[in-house]
PDB file of N, CA and C in Angstrom:
ATOM      1  N   MET A   1      13.644  20.628 -12.259  1.00  0.00           N
ATOM      2  CA  MET A   1      12.550  19.744 -12.587  1.00  0.00           C
ATOM      3  C   MET A   1      13.068  18.304 -12.679  1.00  0.00           C
ATOM      4  N   ILE A   2      12.321  17.397 -12.101  1.00  0.00           N
ATOM      5  CA  ILE A   2      12.661  15.975 -12.170  1.00  0.00           C
ATOM      6  C   ILE A   2      11.937  15.379 -13.374  1.00  0.00           C
ATOM      7  N   SER A   3      12.656  14.615 -14.161  1.00  0.00           N
ATOM      8  CA  SER A   3      12.065  14.048 -15.375  1.00  0.00           C
ATOM      9  C   SER A   3      11.000  13.009 -15.028  1.00  0.00           C
ATOM     10  N   PRO A   4      10.003  12.862 -15.881  1.00  0.00           N
ATOM     11  CA  PRO A   4       8.973  11.835 -15.678  1.00  0.00           C
ATOM     12  C   PRO A   4       9.579  10.423 -15.618  1.00  0.00           C
ATOM     13  N   GLU A   5      10.660  10.194 -16.340  1.00  0.00           N
ATOM     14  CA  GLU A   5      11.311   8.888 -16.329  1.00  0.00           C
ATOM     15  C   GLU A   5      11.881   8.561 -14.944  1.00  0.00           C
ATOM     16  N   LEU A   6      12.489   9.553 -14.297  1.00  0.00           N
ATOM     17  CA  LEU A   6      13.032   9.330 -12.957  1.00  0.00           C
ATOM     18  C   LEU A   6      11.902   9.102 -11.951  1.00  0.00           C
ATOM     19  N   LEU A   7      10.836   9.880 -12.037  1.00  0.00           N
ATOM     20  CA  LEU A   7       9.696   9.694 -11.133  1.00  0.00           C
ATOM     21  C   LEU A   7       9.114   8.299 -11.306  1.00  0.00           C
ATOM     22  N   HIS A   8       8.991   7.849 -12.557  1.00  0.00           N
ATOM     23  CA  HIS A   8       8.502   6.495 -12.830  1.00  0.00           C
ATOM     24  C   HIS A   8       9.457   5.457 -12.242  1.00  0.00           C
ATOM     25  N   GLY A   9      10.754   5.663 -12.404  1.00  0.00           N
ATOM     26  CA  GLY A   9      11.746   4.733 -11.863  1.00  0.00           C
ATOM     27  C   GLY A   9      11.668   4.619 -10.347  1.00  0.00           C
ATOM     28  N   VAL A  10      11.449   5.736  -9.677  1.00  0.00           N
ATOM     29  CA  VAL A  10      11.310   5.706  -8.210  1.00  0.00           C
ATOM     30  C   VAL A  10      10.034   4.964  -7.816  1.00  0.00           C
ATOM     31  N   ALA A  11       8.945   5.194  -8.550  1.00  0.00           N
ATOM     32  CA  ALA A  11       7.700   4.459  -8.276  1.00  0.00           C
ATOM     33  C   ALA A  11       7.901   2.959  -8.479  1.00  0.00           C
ATOM     34  N   GLU A  12       8.646   2.573  -9.516  1.00  0.00           N
ATOM     35  CA  GLU A  12       8.955   1.154  -9.745  1.00  0.00           C
ATOM     36  C   GLU A  12       9.798   0.590  -8.599  1.00  0.00           C
ATOM     37  N   TYR A  13      10.754   1.369  -8.112  1.00  0.00           N
ATOM     38  CA  TYR A  13      11.583   0.946  -6.977  1.00  0.00           C
ATOM     39  C   TYR A  13      10.710   0.673  -5.747  1.00  0.00           C
ATOM     40  N   VAL A  14       9.799   1.593  -5.467  1.00  0.00           N
ATOM     41  CA  VAL A  14       8.899   1.416  -4.320  1.00  0.00           C
ATOM     42  C   VAL A  14       8.043   0.165  -4.525  1.00  0.00           C
ATOM     43  N   ASN A  15       7.555  -0.031  -5.740  1.00  0.00           N
ATOM     44  CA  ASN A  15       6.756  -1.216  -6.059  1.00  0.00           C
ATOM     45  C   ASN A  15       7.514  -2.494  -5.705  1.00  0.00           C
ATOM     46  N   HIS A  16       8.795  -2.547  -6.061  1.00  0.00           N
ATOM     47  CA  HIS A  16       9.585  -3.747  -5.774  1.00  0.00           C
ATOM     48  C   HIS A  16       9.904  -3.897  -4.288  1.00  0.00           C
ATOM     49  N   ARG A  17       9.922  -2.801  -3.554  1.00  0.00           N
ATOM     50  CA  ARG A  17      10.175  -2.863  -2.105  1.00  0.00           C
ATOM     51  C   ARG A  17       8.972  -3.345  -1.318  1.00  0.00           C
ATOM     52  N   VAL A  18       7.769  -2.954  -1.733  1.00  0.00           N
ATOM     53  CA  VAL A  18       6.562  -3.311  -0.981  1.00  0.00           C
ATOM     54  C   VAL A  18       6.296  -4.805  -1.141  1.00  0.00           C
ATOM     55  N   ALA A  19       6.300  -5.512  -0.011  1.00  0.00           N
ATOM     56  CA  ALA A  19       6.065  -6.959  -0.031  1.00  0.00           C
ATOM     57  C   ALA A  19       4.748  -7.339   0.629  1.00  0.00           C
ATOM     58  N   LYS A  20       4.260  -6.474   1.526  1.00  0.00           N
ATOM     59  CA  LYS A  20       3.043  -6.828   2.263  1.00  0.00           C
ATOM     60  C   LYS A  20       2.378  -5.604   2.861  1.00  0.00           C
ATOM     61  N   VAL A  21       1.111  -5.794   3.182  1.00  0.00           N
ATOM     62  CA  VAL A  21       0.330  -4.820   3.923  1.00  0.00           C
ATOM     63  C   VAL A  21       0.037  -5.460   5.277  1.00  0.00           C
ATOM     64  N   VAL A  22       0.210  -4.685   6.329  1.00  0.00           N
ATOM     65  CA  VAL A  22      -0.131  -5.171   7.668  1.00  0.00           C
ATOM     66  C   VAL A  22      -1.219  -4.264   8.224  1.00  0.00           C
ATOM     67  N   ILE A  23      -2.340  -4.895   8.573  1.00  0.00           N
ATOM     68  CA  ILE A  23      -3.500  -4.176   9.095  1.00  0.00           C
ATOM     69  C   ILE A  23      -3.508  -4.297  10.612  1.00  0.00           C
ATOM     70  N   ASN A  24      -3.621  -3.156  11.278  1.00  0.00           N
ATOM     71  CA  ASN A  24      -3.716  -3.094  12.752  1.00  0.00           C
ATOM     72  C   ASN A  24      -2.542  -3.775  13.449  1.00  0.00           C
ATOM     73  N   GLY A  25      -1.414  -3.891  12.763  1.00  0.00           N
ATOM     74  CA  GLY A  25      -0.226  -4.486  13.362  1.00  0.00           C
ATOM     75  C   GLY A  25      -0.266  -5.993  13.489  1.00  0.00           C
ATOM     76  N   ILE A  26      -1.369  -6.639  13.041  1.00  0.00           N
ATOM     77  CA  ILE A  26      -1.484  -8.086  13.255  1.00  0.00           C
ATOM     78  C   ILE A  26      -1.897  -8.894  12.036  1.00  0.00           C
ATOM     79  N   TYR A  27      -2.665  -8.316  11.115  1.00  0.00           N
ATOM     80  CA  TYR A  27      -3.159  -9.090   9.968  1.00  0.00           C
ATOM     81  C   TYR A  27      -2.336  -8.740   8.732  1.00  0.00           C
ATOM     82  N   THR A  28      -1.658  -9.747   8.170  1.00  0.00           N
ATOM     83  CA  THR A  28      -0.759  -9.536   7.047  1.00  0.00           C
ATOM     84  C   THR A  28      -1.397  -9.973   5.735  1.00  0.00           C
ATOM     85  N   ILE A  29      -1.254  -9.120   4.728  1.00  0.00           N
ATOM     86  CA  ILE A  29      -1.753  -9.402   3.381  1.00  0.00           C
ATOM     87  C   ILE A  29      -0.564  -9.391   2.428  1.00  0.00           C
ATOM     88  N   THR A  30      -0.399 -10.498   1.695  1.00  0.00           N
ATOM     89  CA  THR A  30       0.685 -10.570   0.711  1.00  0.00           C
ATOM     90  C   THR A  30       0.155 -10.780  -0.703  1.00  0.00           C
ATOM     91  N   ASP A  31      -1.141 -11.062  -0.831  1.00  0.00           N
ATOM     92  CA  ASP A  31      -1.771 -11.239  -2.139  1.00  0.00           C
ATOM     93  C   ASP A  31      -2.482  -9.950  -2.533  1.00  0.00           C
ATOM     94  N   PHE A  32      -2.050  -9.376  -3.630  1.00  0.00           N
ATOM     95  CA  PHE A  32      -2.639  -8.137  -4.133  1.00  0.00           C
ATOM     96  C   PHE A  32      -3.490  -8.445  -5.359  1.00  0.00           C
ATOM     97  N   ASP A  33      -4.688  -7.875  -5.426  1.00  0.00           N
ATOM     98  CA  ASP A  33      -5.484  -7.973  -6.653  1.00  0.00           C
ATOM     99  C   ASP A  33      -4.799  -7.180  -7.760  1.00  0.00           C
ATOM    100  N   VAL A  34      -4.265  -6.023  -7.394  1.00  0.00           N
ATOM    101  CA  VAL A  34      -3.495  -5.189  -8.320  1.00  0.00           C
ATOM    102  C   VAL A  34      -2.298  -4.646  -7.556  1.00  0.00           C
ATOM    103  N   LYS A  35      -1.145  -4.706  -8.194  1.00  0.00           N
ATOM    104  CA  LYS A  35       0.073  -4.072  -7.671  1.00  0.00           C
ATOM    105  C   LYS A  35       0.834  -3.628  -8.907  1.00  0.00           C
ATOM    106  N   ALA A  36       0.641  -2.354  -9.294  1.00  0.00           N
ATOM    107  CA  ALA A  36       1.166  -1.894 -10.574  1.00  0.00           C
ATOM    108  C   ALA A  36       1.522  -0.419 -10.529  1.00  0.00           C
ATOM    109  N   VAL A  37       2.464  -0.060 -11.386  1.00  0.00           N
ATOM    110  CA  VAL A  37       2.891   1.334 -11.522  1.00  0.00           C
ATOM    111  C   VAL A  37       2.396   1.871 -12.861  1.00  0.00           C
ATOM    112  N   THR A  38       1.757   3.028 -12.799  1.00  0.00           N
ATOM    113  CA  THR A  38       1.372   3.773 -13.996  1.00  0.00           C
ATOM    114  C   THR A  38       1.970   5.162 -13.853  1.00  0.00           C
ATOM    115  N   ASP A  39       2.804   5.531 -14.803  1.00  0.00           N
ATOM    116  CA  ASP A  39       3.528   6.804 -14.745  1.00  0.00           C
ATOM    117  C   ASP A  39       4.309   6.886 -13.440  1.00  0.00           C
ATOM    118  N   ASN A  40       3.909   7.767 -12.526  1.00  0.00           N
ATOM    119  CA  ASN A  40       4.629   7.940 -11.267  1.00  0.00           C
ATOM    120  C   ASN A  40       3.788   7.513 -10.057  1.00  0.00           C
ATOM    121  N   VAL A  41       2.799   6.642 -10.285  1.00  0.00           N
ATOM    122  CA  VAL A  41       1.883   6.233  -9.208  1.00  0.00           C
ATOM    123  C   VAL A  41       1.891   4.714  -9.061  1.00  0.00           C
ATOM    124  N   LEU A  42       2.132   4.264  -7.838  1.00  0.00           N
ATOM    125  CA  LEU A  42       1.996   2.851  -7.483  1.00  0.00           C
ATOM    126  C   LEU A  42       0.585   2.647  -6.942  1.00  0.00           C
ATOM    127  N   ALA A  43      -0.139   1.696  -7.526  1.00  0.00           N
ATOM    128  CA  ALA A  43      -1.495   1.369  -7.065  1.00  0.00           C
ATOM    129  C   ALA A  43      -1.496  -0.025  -6.471  1.00  0.00           C
ATOM    130  N   LEU A  44      -2.091  -0.142  -5.292  1.00  0.00           N
ATOM    131  CA  LEU A  44      -2.254  -1.425  -4.608  1.00  0.00           C
ATOM    132  C   LEU A  44      -3.735  -1.648  -4.345  1.00  0.00           C
ATOM    133  N   ASN A  45      -4.247  -2.777  -4.758  1.00  0.00           N
ATOM    134  CA  ASN A  45      -5.615  -3.191  -4.430  1.00  0.00           C
ATOM    135  C   ASN A  45      -5.507  -4.512  -3.686  1.00  0.00           C
ATOM    136  N   TYR A  46      -6.203  -4.602  -2.560  1.00  0.00           N
ATOM    137  CA  TYR A  46      -6.176  -5.832  -1.780  1.00  0.00           C
ATOM    138  C   TYR A  46      -7.469  -5.956  -0.990  1.00  0.00           C
ATOM    139  N   ILE A  47      -7.772  -7.187  -0.615  1.00  0.00           N
ATOM    140  CA  ILE A  47      -9.008  -7.485   0.122  1.00  0.00           C
ATOM    141  C   ILE A  47      -8.691  -7.611   1.612  1.00  0.00           C
ATOM    142  N   VAL A  48      -9.507  -6.956   2.427  1.00  0.00           N
ATOM    143  CA  VAL A  48      -9.457  -7.126   3.882  1.00  0.00           C
ATOM    144  C   VAL A  48     -10.712  -7.912   4.262  1.00  0.00           C
ATOM    145  N   PRO A  49     -10.539  -9.165   4.715  1.00  0.00           N
ATOM    146  CA  PRO A  49     -11.709  -9.987   5.038  1.00  0.00           C
ATOM    147  C   PRO A  49     -12.328  -9.600   6.378  1.00  0.00           C
ATOM    148  N   VAL A  50     -13.649  -9.477   6.392  1.00  0.00           N
ATOM    149  CA  VAL A  50     -14.356  -9.112   7.616  1.00  0.00           C
ATOM    150  C   VAL A  50     -14.190 -10.202   8.683  1.00  0.00           C
ATOM    151  N   SER A  51     -13.947 -11.427   8.269  1.00  0.00           N
ATOM    152  CA  SER A  51     -13.756 -12.513   9.235  1.00  0.00           C
ATOM    153  C   SER A  51     -12.478 -12.329  10.059  1.00  0.00           C
ATOM    154  N   GLU A  52     -11.559 -11.498   9.548  1.00  0.00           N
ATOM    155  CA  GLU A  52     -10.285 -11.267  10.249  1.00  0.00           C
ATOM    156  C   GLU A  52     -10.196  -9.890  10.892  1.00  0.00           C
ATOM    157  N   VAL A  53     -10.880  -8.907  10.296  1.00  0.00           N
ATOM    158  CA  VAL A  53     -10.758  -7.517  10.741  1.00  0.00           C
ATOM    159  C   VAL A  53     -12.138  -6.865  10.692  1.00  0.00           C
ATOM    160  N   SER A  54     -12.554  -6.249  11.800  1.00  0.00           N
ATOM    161  CA  SER A  54     -13.849  -5.559  11.805  1.00  0.00           C
ATOM    162  C   SER A  54     -13.693  -4.033  11.798  1.00  0.00           C
ATOM    163  N   LEU A  55     -12.500  -3.555  12.148  1.00  0.00           N
ATOM    164  CA  LEU A  55     -12.216  -2.123  12.135  1.00  0.00           C
ATOM    165  C   LEU A  55     -10.743  -1.938  11.797  1.00  0.00           C
ATOM    166  N   ILE A  56     -10.468  -1.208  10.742  1.00  0.00           N
ATOM    167  CA  ILE A  56      -9.080  -0.919  10.382  1.00  0.00           C
ATOM    168  C   ILE A  56      -8.675   0.389  11.042  1.00  0.00           C
ATOM    169  N   THR A  57      -7.627   0.321  11.873  1.00  0.00           N
ATOM    170  CA  THR A  57      -7.136   1.513  12.557  1.00  0.00           C
ATOM    171  C   THR A  57      -5.707   1.878  12.140  1.00  0.00           C
ATOM    172  N   LEU A  58      -5.006   0.927  11.499  1.00  0.00           N
ATOM    173  CA  LEU A  58      -3.629   1.188  11.064  1.00  0.00           C
ATOM    174  C   LEU A  58      -3.345   0.362   9.816  1.00  0.00           C
ATOM    175  N   VAL A  59      -2.789   1.026   8.796  1.00  0.00           N
ATOM    176  CA  VAL A  59      -2.376   0.350   7.568  1.00  0.00           C
ATOM    177  C   VAL A  59      -0.885   0.627   7.376  1.00  0.00           C
ATOM    178  N   GLU A  60      -0.088  -0.444   7.331  1.00  0.00           N
ATOM    179  CA  GLU A  60       1.347  -0.311   7.120  1.00  0.00           C
ATOM    180  C   GLU A  60       1.748  -1.076   5.862  1.00  0.00           C
ATOM    181  N   LEU A  61       2.630  -0.485   5.089  1.00  0.00           N
ATOM    182  CA  LEU A  61       3.282  -1.200   4.003  1.00  0.00           C
ATOM    183  C   LEU A  61       4.667  -1.567   4.494  1.00  0.00           C
ATOM    184  N   LYS A  62       5.038  -2.840   4.294  1.00  0.00           N
ATOM    185  CA  LYS A  62       6.341  -3.316   4.764  1.00  0.00           C
ATOM    186  C   LYS A  62       7.084  -4.014   3.641  1.00  0.00           C
ATOM    187  N   ASP A  63       8.407  -4.054   3.790  1.00  0.00           N
ATOM    188  CA  ASP A  63       9.209  -4.783   2.819  1.00  0.00           C
ATOM    189  C   ASP A  63       9.386  -6.224   3.289  1.00  0.00           C
ATOM    190  N   ALA A  64      10.145  -7.010   2.555  1.00  0.00           N
ATOM    191  CA  ALA A  64      10.315  -8.431   2.864  1.00  0.00           C
ATOM    192  C   ALA A  64      11.022  -8.653   4.200  1.00  0.00           C
ATOM    193  N   ALA A  65      11.805  -7.678   4.656  1.00  0.00           N
ATOM    194  CA  ALA A  65      12.506  -7.783   5.936  1.00  0.00           C
ATOM    195  C   ALA A  65      11.675  -7.235   7.091  1.00  0.00           C
ATOM    196  N   ASP A  66      10.397  -6.961   6.852  1.00  0.00           N
ATOM    197  CA  ASP A  66       9.468  -6.438   7.860  1.00  0.00           C
ATOM    198  C   ASP A  66       9.753  -4.988   8.271  1.00  0.00           C
ATOM    199  N   ILE A  67      10.458  -4.260   7.439  1.00  0.00           N
ATOM    200  CA  ILE A  67      10.714  -2.843   7.710  1.00  0.00           C
ATOM    201  C   ILE A  67       9.507  -2.042   7.221  1.00  0.00           C
ATOM    202  N   VAL A  68       8.995  -1.165   8.090  1.00  0.00           N
ATOM    203  CA  VAL A  68       7.839  -0.333   7.743  1.00  0.00           C
ATOM    204  C   VAL A  68       8.266   0.725   6.739  1.00  0.00           C
ATOM    205  N   LEU A  69       7.591   0.733   5.590  1.00  0.00           N
ATOM    206  CA  LEU A  69       7.838   1.734   4.552  1.00  0.00           C
ATOM    207  C   LEU A  69       6.879   2.904   4.672  1.00  0.00           C
ATOM    208  N   THR A  70       5.611   2.618   4.973  1.00  0.00           N
ATOM    209  CA  THR A  70       4.619   3.654   5.222  1.00  0.00           C
ATOM    210  C   THR A  70       3.726   3.203   6.368  1.00  0.00           C
ATOM    211  N   SER A  71       3.184   4.157   7.080  1.00  0.00           N
ATOM    212  CA  SER A  71       2.282   3.873   8.193  1.00  0.00           C
ATOM    213  C   SER A  71       1.177   4.926   8.178  1.00  0.00           C
ATOM    214  N   ASN A  72      -0.082   4.462   8.141  1.00  0.00           N
ATOM    215  CA  ASN A  72      -1.210   5.384   8.061  1.00  0.00           C
ATOM    216  C   ASN A  72      -2.275   5.034   9.090  1.00  0.00           C
ATOM    217  N   PRO A  73      -2.469   5.874  10.107  1.00  0.00           N
ATOM    218  CA  PRO A  73      -3.593   5.663  11.014  1.00  0.00           C
ATOM    219  C   PRO A  73      -4.887   6.025  10.289  1.00  0.00           C
ATOM    220  N   VAL A  74      -5.885   5.159  10.412  1.00  0.00           N
ATOM    221  CA  VAL A  74      -7.173   5.356   9.744  1.00  0.00           C
ATOM    222  C   VAL A  74      -8.289   4.912  10.686  1.00  0.00           C
ATOM    223  N   ASN A  75      -9.509   5.108  10.255  1.00  0.00           N
ATOM    224  CA  ASN A  75     -10.669   4.611  10.999  1.00  0.00           C
ATOM    225  C   ASN A  75     -11.680   4.123   9.969  1.00  0.00           C
ATOM    226  N   VAL A  76     -11.557   2.832   9.596  1.00  0.00           N
ATOM    227  CA  VAL A  76     -12.397   2.258   8.555  1.00  0.00           C
ATOM    228  C   VAL A  76     -13.151   1.058   9.122  1.00  0.00           C
ATOM    229  N   PRO A  77     -14.448   1.209   9.436  1.00  0.00           N
ATOM    230  CA  PRO A  77     -15.238   0.056   9.882  1.00  0.00           C
ATOM    231  C   PRO A  77     -15.456  -0.902   8.713  1.00  0.00           C
ATOM    232  N   ILE A  78     -15.413  -2.187   9.002  1.00  0.00           N
ATOM    233  CA  ILE A  78     -15.583  -3.216   7.978  1.00  0.00           C
ATOM    234  C   ILE A  78     -16.843  -4.016   8.304  1.00  0.00           C
ATOM    235  N   ALA A  79     -17.816  -3.988   7.384  1.00  0.00           N
ATOM    236  CA  ALA A  79     -19.069  -4.739   7.562  1.00  0.00           C
ATOM    237  C   ALA A  79     -19.115  -5.968   6.669  1.00  0.00           C
ATOM    238  N   ALA A  80     -18.265  -5.986   5.632  1.00  0.00           N
ATOM    239  CA  ALA A  80     -18.168  -7.112   4.698  1.00  0.00           C
ATOM    240  C   ALA A  80     -16.736  -7.101   4.169  1.00  0.00           C
ATOM    241  N   ASP A  81     -16.354  -8.163   3.466  1.00  0.00           N
ATOM    242  CA  ASP A  81     -15.028  -8.151   2.861  1.00  0.00           C
ATOM    243  C   ASP A  81     -14.850  -6.836   2.117  1.00  0.00           C
ATOM    244  N   HIS A  82     -13.696  -6.222   2.297  1.00  0.00           N
ATOM    245  CA  HIS A  82     -13.497  -4.844   1.855  1.00  0.00           C
ATOM    246  C   HIS A  82     -12.333  -4.767   0.872  1.00  0.00           C
ATOM    247  N   LEU A  83     -12.580  -4.220  -0.327  1.00  0.00           N
ATOM    248  CA  LEU A  83     -11.521  -3.989  -1.292  1.00  0.00           C
ATOM    249  C   LEU A  83     -10.888  -2.632  -0.996  1.00  0.00           C
ATOM    250  N   MET A  84      -9.611  -2.657  -0.688  1.00  0.00           N
ATOM    251  CA  MET A  84      -8.882  -1.418  -0.403  1.00  0.00           C
ATOM    252  C   MET A  84      -8.094  -1.012  -1.638  1.00  0.00           C
ATOM    253  N   LEU A  85      -8.054   0.273  -1.922  1.00  0.00           N
ATOM    254  CA  LEU A  85      -7.220   0.841  -2.965  1.00  0.00           C
ATOM    255  C   LEU A  85      -6.288   1.825  -2.289  1.00  0.00           C
ATOM    256  N   GLN A  86      -4.999   1.577  -2.426  1.00  0.00           N
ATOM    257  CA  GLN A  86      -4.014   2.455  -1.831  1.00  0.00           C
ATOM    258  C   GLN A  86      -3.062   2.898  -2.928  1.00  0.00           C
ATOM    259  N   THR A  87      -2.754   4.185  -2.989  1.00  0.00           N
ATOM    260  CA  THR A  87      -1.849   4.690  -4.004  1.00  0.00           C
ATOM    261  C   THR A  87      -0.692   5.437  -3.346  1.00  0.00           C
ATOM    262  N   ILE A  88       0.433   5.368  -4.019  1.00  0.00           N
ATOM    263  CA  ILE A  88       1.608   6.161  -3.615  1.00  0.00           C
ATOM    264  C   ILE A  88       2.043   6.920  -4.848  1.00  0.00           C
ATOM    265  N   GLU A  89       1.984   8.229  -4.772  1.00  0.00           N
ATOM    266  CA  GLU A  89       2.387   9.077  -5.890  1.00  0.00           C
ATOM    267  C   GLU A  89       3.774   9.638  -5.616  1.00  0.00           C
ATOM    268  N   VAL A  90       4.676   9.459  -6.552  1.00  0.00           N
ATOM    269  CA  VAL A  90       6.020  10.010  -6.462  1.00  0.00           C
ATOM    270  C   VAL A  90       6.026  11.318  -7.224  1.00  0.00           C
ATOM    271  N   LYS A  91       6.388  12.402  -6.531  1.00  0.00           N
ATOM    272  CA  LYS A  91       6.398  13.696  -7.203  1.00  0.00           C
ATOM    273  C   LYS A  91       7.465  14.592  -6.604  1.00  0.00           C
ATOM    274  N   GLU A  92       7.803  15.604  -7.341  1.00  0.00           N
ATOM    275  CA  GLU A  92       8.785  16.573  -6.912  1.00  0.00           C
ATOM    276  C   GLU A  92       8.156  17.504  -5.877  1.00  0.00           C
ATOM    277  N   ALA A  93       8.884  17.775  -4.801  1.00  0.00           N
ATOM    278  CA  ALA A  93       8.397  18.702  -3.783  1.00  0.00           C
ATOM    279  C   ALA A  93       8.406  20.116  -4.339  1.00  0.00           C
ATOM    280  N   GLN A  94       7.414  20.869  -3.981  1.00  0.00           N
ATOM    281  CA  GLN A  94       7.305  22.249  -4.466  1.00  0.00           C
ATOM    282  C   GLN A  94       7.857  23.207  -3.457  1.00  0.00           C
TER     283      GLN A  94
END
């Protein structure tokens, strides 16, 4: 069993690594409404402006050196500025 303290520490590490969100490989977001760790979960809230993106097909989290940390293909049509909530849960594999 992995202790809750270690899981929290790994979530904090990931929090410090994530520097930006890149939408569709071209639109970069560095301002987060929320970027916080609770227990073993990193929560990211950010706005995707409709003036820049009308359909989200790829969401990537990158570090400051532009290394992709996560990559998620999606299909999210945008009709107005869109608040995104993205979470990363650190847990022990079963």
